Amino acid sequence: DCFESGSERLHSDAIPTVFNFTQTTN
């Protein structure tokens, strides 16, 4: 939901929230 519909472009108010500090980067 941070991305504009059908695009790789972020909404202007997008905030990253997917940070898992215990999993591998993969």
PDB file of all heavy atoms in Angstrom:
ATOM      1  N   ASP A   1       0.806  -1.218   0.000  1.00  0.00           N
ATOM      2  CA  ASP A   1       0.000   0.000   0.000  1.00  0.00           C
ATOM      3  C   ASP A   1       0.845   1.278   0.000  1.00  0.00           C
ATOM      4  O   ASP A   1       0.316   2.378  -0.153  1.00  0.00           O
ATOM      5  CB  ASP A   1      -0.985   0.013   1.175  1.00  0.00           C
ATOM      6  CG  ASP A   1      -0.287  -0.009   2.523  1.00  0.00           C
ATOM      7  OD1 ASP A   1       0.769  -0.645   2.645  1.00  0.00           O
ATOM      8  OD2 ASP A   1      -0.805   0.615   3.463  1.00  0.00           O
ATOM      9  N   CYS A   2       2.169   1.145   0.119  1.00  0.00           N
ATOM     10  CA  CYS A   2       3.059   2.312   0.046  1.00  0.00           C
ATOM     11  C   CYS A   2       3.289   2.763  -1.394  1.00  0.00           C
ATOM     12  O   CYS A   2       3.761   3.868  -1.623  1.00  0.00           O
ATOM     13  CB  CYS A   2       4.410   1.988   0.685  1.00  0.00           C
ATOM     14  SG  CYS A   2       4.352   1.796   2.476  1.00  0.00           S
ATOM     15  N   PHE A   3       2.955   1.892  -2.350  1.00  0.00           N
ATOM     16  CA  PHE A   3       3.224   2.180  -3.754  1.00  0.00           C
ATOM     17  C   PHE A   3       1.970   2.669  -4.460  1.00  0.00           C
ATOM     18  O   PHE A   3       0.855   2.263  -4.134  1.00  0.00           O
ATOM     19  CB  PHE A   3       3.747   0.921  -4.460  1.00  0.00           C
ATOM     20  CG  PHE A   3       5.037   0.423  -3.893  1.00  0.00           C
ATOM     21  CD1 PHE A   3       5.056  -0.548  -2.902  1.00  0.00           C
ATOM     22  CD2 PHE A   3       6.241   0.936  -4.338  1.00  0.00           C
ATOM     23  CE1 PHE A   3       6.246  -1.008  -2.369  1.00  0.00           C
ATOM     24  CE2 PHE A   3       7.444   0.483  -3.811  1.00  0.00           C
ATOM     25  CZ  PHE A   3       7.447  -0.491  -2.823  1.00  0.00           C
ATOM     26  N   GLU A   4       2.190   3.533  -5.457  1.00  0.00           N
ATOM     27  CA  GLU A   4       1.075   3.970  -6.292  1.00  0.00           C
ATOM     28  C   GLU A   4       0.592   2.770  -7.089  1.00  0.00           C
ATOM     29  O   GLU A   4       1.383   1.903  -7.462  1.00  0.00           O
ATOM     30  CB  GLU A   4       1.521   5.116  -7.214  1.00  0.00           C
ATOM     31  CG  GLU A   4       1.824   6.379  -6.432  1.00  0.00           C
ATOM     32  CD  GLU A   4       2.260   7.538  -7.326  1.00  0.00           C
ATOM     33  OE1 GLU A   4       2.273   7.391  -8.573  1.00  0.00           O
ATOM     34  OE2 GLU A   4       2.593   8.590  -6.770  1.00  0.00           O
ATOM     35  N   SER A   5      -0.668   2.711  -7.375  1.00  0.00           N
ATOM     36  CA  SER A   5      -1.290   1.565  -8.031  1.00  0.00           C
ATOM     37  C   SER A   5      -0.567   1.190  -9.327  1.00  0.00           C
ATOM     38  O   SER A   5      -0.387   2.014 -10.218  1.00  0.00           O
ATOM     39  CB  SER A   5      -2.758   1.887  -8.327  1.00  0.00           C
ATOM     40  OG  SER A   5      -3.373   0.781  -8.923  1.00  0.00           O
ATOM     41  N   GLY A   6      -0.127  -0.079  -9.409  1.00  0.00           N
ATOM     42  CA  GLY A   6       0.521  -0.598 -10.609  1.00  0.00           C
ATOM     43  C   GLY A   6       1.857   0.052 -10.921  1.00  0.00           C
ATOM     44  O   GLY A   6       2.271   0.077 -12.078  1.00  0.00           O
ATOM     45  N   SER A   7       2.541   0.561  -9.927  1.00  0.00           N
ATOM     46  CA  SER A   7       3.775   1.294 -10.165  1.00  0.00           C
ATOM     47  C   SER A   7       4.804   0.962  -9.099  1.00  0.00           C
ATOM     48  O   SER A   7       4.475   0.449  -8.034  1.00  0.00           O
ATOM     49  CB  SER A   7       3.463   2.798 -10.127  1.00  0.00           C
ATOM     50  OG  SER A   7       4.634   3.555 -10.125  1.00  0.00           O
ATOM     51  N   GLU A   8       6.066   1.256  -9.412  1.00  0.00           N
ATOM     52  CA  GLU A   8       7.128   1.125  -8.413  1.00  0.00           C
ATOM     53  C   GLU A   8       7.321   2.428  -7.656  1.00  0.00           C
ATOM     54  O   GLU A   8       8.173   2.535  -6.792  1.00  0.00           O
ATOM     55  CB  GLU A   8       8.450   0.740  -9.098  1.00  0.00           C
ATOM     56  CG  GLU A   8       8.478  -0.672  -9.616  1.00  0.00           C
ATOM     57  CD  GLU A   8       9.836  -1.037 -10.201  1.00  0.00           C
ATOM     58  OE1 GLU A   8      10.754  -0.184 -10.214  1.00  0.00           O
ATOM     59  OE2 GLU A   8       9.970  -2.173 -10.650  1.00  0.00           O
ATOM     60  N   ARG A   9       6.520   3.424  -8.000  1.00  0.00           N
ATOM     61  CA  ARG A   9       6.646   4.747  -7.385  1.00  0.00           C
ATOM     62  C   ARG A   9       5.971   4.760  -6.005  1.00  0.00           C
ATOM     63  O   ARG A   9       4.836   4.308  -5.853  1.00  0.00           O
ATOM     64  CB  ARG A   9       6.014   5.787  -8.306  1.00  0.00           C
ATOM     65  CG  ARG A   9       6.217   7.180  -7.835  1.00  0.00           C
ATOM     66  CD  ARG A   9       5.592   8.156  -8.810  1.00  0.00           C
ATOM     67  NE  ARG A   9       5.586   9.456  -8.217  1.00  0.00           N
ATOM     68  CZ  ARG A   9       6.006  10.540  -8.818  1.00  0.00           C
ATOM     69  NH1 ARG A   9       6.425  10.486 -10.048  1.00  0.00           N
ATOM     70  NH2 ARG A   9       5.995  11.696  -8.200  1.00  0.00           N
ATOM     71  N   LEU A  10       6.688   5.315  -5.016  1.00  0.00           N
ATOM     72  CA  LEU A  10       6.145   5.399  -3.656  1.00  0.00           C
ATOM     73  C   LEU A  10       5.183   6.573  -3.536  1.00  0.00           C
ATOM     74  O   LEU A  10       5.366   7.606  -4.180  1.00  0.00           O
ATOM     75  CB  LEU A  10       7.272   5.624  -2.642  1.00  0.00           C
ATOM     76  CG  LEU A  10       8.174   4.463  -2.307  1.00  0.00           C
ATOM     77  CD1 LEU A  10       9.292   4.934  -1.384  1.00  0.00           C
ATOM     78  CD2 LEU A  10       7.411   3.327  -1.676  1.00  0.00           C
ATOM     79  N   HIS A  11       4.176   6.408  -2.684  1.00  0.00           N
ATOM     80  CA  HIS A  11       3.337   7.548  -2.312  1.00  0.00           C
ATOM     81  C   HIS A  11       4.226   8.538  -1.554  1.00  0.00           C
ATOM     82  O   HIS A  11       5.198   8.148  -0.900  1.00  0.00           O
ATOM     83  CB  HIS A  11       2.187   7.111  -1.404  1.00  0.00           C
ATOM     84  CG  HIS A  11       1.140   6.312  -2.092  1.00  0.00           C
ATOM     85  ND1 HIS A  11       0.297   6.843  -3.040  1.00  0.00           N
ATOM     86  CD2 HIS A  11       0.783   5.015  -1.965  1.00  0.00           C
ATOM     87  CE1 HIS A  11      -0.527   5.912  -3.465  1.00  0.00           C
ATOM     88  NE2 HIS A  11      -0.246   4.783  -2.831  1.00  0.00           N
ATOM     89  N   SER A  12       3.892   9.796  -1.587  1.00  0.00           N
ATOM     90  CA  SER A  12       4.735  10.817  -0.947  1.00  0.00           C
ATOM     91  C   SER A  12       4.818  10.643   0.571  1.00  0.00           C
ATOM     92  O   SER A  12       5.785  11.057   1.189  1.00  0.00           O
ATOM     93  CB  SER A  12       4.211  12.217  -1.284  1.00  0.00           C
ATOM     94  OG  SER A  12       2.898  12.369  -0.802  1.00  0.00           O
ATOM     95  N   ASP A  13       3.809  10.000   1.167  1.00  0.00           N
ATOM     96  CA  ASP A  13       3.820   9.816   2.622  1.00  0.00           C
ATOM     97  C   ASP A  13       4.168   8.384   3.038  1.00  0.00           C
ATOM     98  O   ASP A  13       3.952   7.988   4.180  1.00  0.00           O
ATOM     99  CB  ASP A  13       2.470  10.224   3.214  1.00  0.00           C
ATOM    100  CG  ASP A  13       1.317   9.389   2.675  1.00  0.00           C
ATOM    101  OD1 ASP A  13       1.504   8.665   1.671  1.00  0.00           O
ATOM    102  OD2 ASP A  13       0.218   9.464   3.260  1.00  0.00           O
ATOM    103  N   ALA A  14       4.743   7.608   2.122  1.00  0.00           N
ATOM    104  CA  ALA A  14       5.078   6.211   2.410  1.00  0.00           C
ATOM    105  C   ALA A  14       6.147   6.128   3.493  1.00  0.00           C
ATOM    106  O   ALA A  14       7.105   6.904   3.514  1.00  0.00           O
ATOM    107  CB  ALA A  14       5.566   5.531   1.142  1.00  0.00           C
ATOM    108  N   ILE A  15       5.948   5.173   4.394  1.00  0.00           N
ATOM    109  CA  ILE A  15       6.904   4.951   5.475  1.00  0.00           C
ATOM    110  C   ILE A  15       7.263   3.472   5.486  1.00  0.00           C
ATOM    111  O   ILE A  15       6.374   2.620   5.527  1.00  0.00           O
ATOM    112  CB  ILE A  15       6.313   5.369   6.841  1.00  0.00           C
ATOM    113  CG1 ILE A  15       6.071   6.869   6.840  1.00  0.00           C
ATOM    114  CG2 ILE A  15       7.245   4.964   7.976  1.00  0.00           C
ATOM    115  CD1 ILE A  15       5.433   7.404   8.095  1.00  0.00           C
ATOM    116  N   PRO A  16       8.550   3.151   5.440  1.00  0.00           N
ATOM    117  CA  PRO A  16       8.952   1.743   5.454  1.00  0.00           C
ATOM    118  C   PRO A  16       8.678   1.118   6.819  1.00  0.00           C
ATOM    119  O   PRO A  16       8.995   1.706   7.850  1.00  0.00           O
ATOM    120  CB  PRO A  16      10.453   1.807   5.171  1.00  0.00           C
ATOM    121  CG  PRO A  16      10.877   3.142   5.655  1.00  0.00           C
ATOM    122  CD  PRO A  16       9.701   4.048   5.429  1.00  0.00           C
ATOM    123  N   THR A  17       8.069  -0.064   6.791  1.00  0.00           N
ATOM    124  CA  THR A  17       7.734  -0.728   8.052  1.00  0.00           C
ATOM    125  C   THR A  17       8.177  -2.183   8.085  1.00  0.00           C
ATOM    126  O   THR A  17       8.012  -2.841   9.098  1.00  0.00           O
ATOM    127  CB  THR A  17       6.215  -0.677   8.298  1.00  0.00           C
ATOM    128  OG1 THR A  17       5.552  -1.256   7.176  1.00  0.00           O
ATOM    129  CG2 THR A  17       5.731   0.746   8.521  1.00  0.00           C
ATOM    130  N   VAL A  18       8.727  -2.685   6.980  1.00  0.00           N
ATOM    131  CA  VAL A  18       9.101  -4.099   6.916  1.00  0.00           C
ATOM    132  C   VAL A  18      10.585  -4.226   7.252  1.00  0.00           C
ATOM    133  O   VAL A  18      11.447  -4.116   6.379  1.00  0.00           O
ATOM    134  CB  VAL A  18       8.804  -4.696   5.523  1.00  0.00           C
ATOM    135  CG1 VAL A  18       9.141  -6.177   5.495  1.00  0.00           C
ATOM    136  CG2 VAL A  18       7.360  -4.452   5.135  1.00  0.00           C
ATOM    137  N   PHE A  19      10.866  -4.417   8.536  1.00  0.00           N
ATOM    138  CA  PHE A  19      12.235  -4.594   9.007  1.00  0.00           C
ATOM    139  C   PHE A  19      12.221  -5.751   9.986  1.00  0.00           C
ATOM    140  O   PHE A  19      11.686  -5.635  11.079  1.00  0.00           O
ATOM    141  CB  PHE A  19      12.754  -3.343   9.721  1.00  0.00           C
ATOM    142  CG  PHE A  19      12.846  -2.152   8.817  1.00  0.00           C
ATOM    143  CD1 PHE A  19      11.859  -1.196   8.817  1.00  0.00           C
ATOM    144  CD2 PHE A  19      13.918  -2.006   7.969  1.00  0.00           C
ATOM    145  CE1 PHE A  19      11.935  -0.095   7.995  1.00  0.00           C
ATOM    146  CE2 PHE A  19      14.010  -0.905   7.138  1.00  0.00           C
ATOM    147  CZ  PHE A  19      13.024   0.053   7.139  1.00  0.00           C
ATOM    148  N   ASN A  20      12.764  -6.859   9.571  1.00  0.00           N
ATOM    149  CA  ASN A  20      12.823  -8.009  10.452  1.00  0.00           C
ATOM    150  C   ASN A  20      14.276  -8.179  10.859  1.00  0.00           C
ATOM    151  O   ASN A  20      15.112  -8.564  10.054  1.00  0.00           O
ATOM    152  CB  ASN A  20      12.291  -9.252   9.745  1.00  0.00           C
ATOM    153  CG  ASN A  20      12.064 -10.373  10.721  1.00  0.00           C
ATOM    154  OD1 ASN A  20      12.688 -10.420  11.774  1.00  0.00           O
ATOM    155  ND2 ASN A  20      11.183 -11.275  10.365  1.00  0.00           N
ATOM    156  N   PHE A  21      14.570  -7.901  12.092  1.00  0.00           N
ATOM    157  CA  PHE A  21      15.943  -7.907  12.570  1.00  0.00           C
ATOM    158  C   PHE A  21      16.441  -9.315  12.903  1.00  0.00           C
ATOM    159  O   PHE A  21      17.580  -9.478  13.258  1.00  0.00           O
ATOM    160  CB  PHE A  21      16.066  -7.005  13.805  1.00  0.00           C
ATOM    161  CG  PHE A  21      15.733  -5.577  13.488  1.00  0.00           C
ATOM    162  CD1 PHE A  21      14.487  -5.054  13.788  1.00  0.00           C
ATOM    163  CD2 PHE A  21      16.653  -4.766  12.868  1.00  0.00           C
ATOM    164  CE1 PHE A  21      14.186  -3.745  13.487  1.00  0.00           C
ATOM    165  CE2 PHE A  21      16.364  -3.455  12.556  1.00  0.00           C
ATOM    166  CZ  PHE A  21      15.125  -2.943  12.870  1.00  0.00           C
ATOM    167  N   THR A  22      15.589 -10.320  12.769  1.00  0.00           N
ATOM    168  CA  THR A  22      16.017 -11.672  13.118  1.00  0.00           C
ATOM    169  C   THR A  22      16.050 -12.618  11.932  1.00  0.00           C
ATOM    170  O   THR A  22      16.532 -13.720  12.046  1.00  0.00           O
ATOM    171  CB  THR A  22      15.080 -12.279  14.184  1.00  0.00           C
ATOM    172  OG1 THR A  22      13.757 -12.320  13.661  1.00  0.00           O
ATOM    173  CG2 THR A  22      15.118 -11.467  15.453  1.00  0.00           C
ATOM    174  N   GLN A  23      15.556 -12.210  10.786  1.00  0.00           N
ATOM    175  CA  GLN A  23      15.587 -13.074   9.615  1.00  0.00           C
ATOM    176  C   GLN A  23      16.746 -12.687   8.713  1.00  0.00           C
ATOM    177  O   GLN A  23      17.253 -11.582   8.776  1.00  0.00           O
ATOM    178  CB  GLN A  23      14.281 -12.955   8.825  1.00  0.00           C
ATOM    179  CG  GLN A  23      13.090 -13.507   9.561  1.00  0.00           C
ATOM    180  CD  GLN A  23      11.850 -13.428   8.695  1.00  0.00           C
ATOM    181  OE1 GLN A  23      11.733 -12.567   7.851  1.00  0.00           O
ATOM    182  NE2 GLN A  23      10.934 -14.342   8.921  1.00  0.00           N
ATOM    183  N   THR A  24      17.101 -13.602   7.821  1.00  0.00           N
ATOM    184  CA  THR A  24      18.141 -13.268   6.858  1.00  0.00           C
ATOM    185  C   THR A  24      17.576 -12.271   5.870  1.00  0.00           C
ATOM    186  O   THR A  24      16.372 -12.133   5.713  1.00  0.00           O
ATOM    187  CB  THR A  24      18.599 -14.518   6.086  1.00  0.00           C
ATOM    188  OG1 THR A  24      17.505 -14.994   5.316  1.00  0.00           O
ATOM    189  CG2 THR A  24      19.139 -15.584   7.010  1.00  0.00           C
ATOM    190  N   THR A  25      18.454 -11.613   5.177  1.00  0.00           N
ATOM    191  CA  THR A  25      18.019 -10.618   4.211  1.00  0.00           C
ATOM    192  C   THR A  25      17.210 -11.280   3.108  1.00  0.00           C
ATOM    193  O   THR A  25      16.283 -10.684   2.576  1.00  0.00           O
ATOM    194  CB  THR A  25      19.244  -9.896   3.629  1.00  0.00           C
ATOM    195  OG1 THR A  25      20.097  -9.562   4.716  1.00  0.00           O
ATOM    196  CG2 THR A  25      18.859  -8.642   2.906  1.00  0.00           C
ATOM    197  N   ASN A  26      17.522 -12.519   2.755  1.00  0.00           N
ATOM    198  CA  ASN A  26      16.756 -13.238   1.746  1.00  0.00           C
ATOM    199  C   ASN A  26      15.300 -13.372   2.180  1.00  0.00           C
ATOM    200  O   ASN A  26      14.376 -13.165   1.401  1.00  0.00           O
ATOM    201  CB  ASN A  26      17.376 -14.624   1.518  1.00  0.00           C
ATOM    202  CG  ASN A  26      16.718 -15.368   0.376  1.00  0.00           C
ATOM    203  OD1 ASN A  26      15.998 -14.790  -0.420  1.00  0.00           O
ATOM    204  ND2 ASN A  26      16.988 -16.662   0.296  1.00  0.00           N
TER     205      ASN A  26
END
